[in-house]
Amino acid sequence: MASMKKSLEELKNTTQTAAKGMAGTTVKLFPHLLVQAAQEAVQQVAESSKETTRTATEEASKQTQTAINSVASKAQDSIKGFGQRLVQK
């Protein structure tokens, strides 16, 4: 069991070392890919930000409309009540 664990640990270390070497080599050989990946990441963040802003704006608009409707309904009820009191006098 211990030897299997040791072998797995060595495999993990070898894989990590190889991956780091590949990443370093890729950046050296293809720096434009790194720039392109960064640009794509920035674009994705911008799109996500736009969507978040759009969603927040829509929600704020819904809440504002609900508040306006509530105030208008209360005002209408107050005006009706005032009119009824005037008619009774």
Foldseek 3Di string as FASTA:
>chain_A
DVVVVVVVVVVVVVVVVVVVVVVVVCCVVPVVVVVVVVVVVVVVVVVVVVVVVVVVVVVVVVVVVVVVVVVVVVVVVVVVVVVVVVVVD
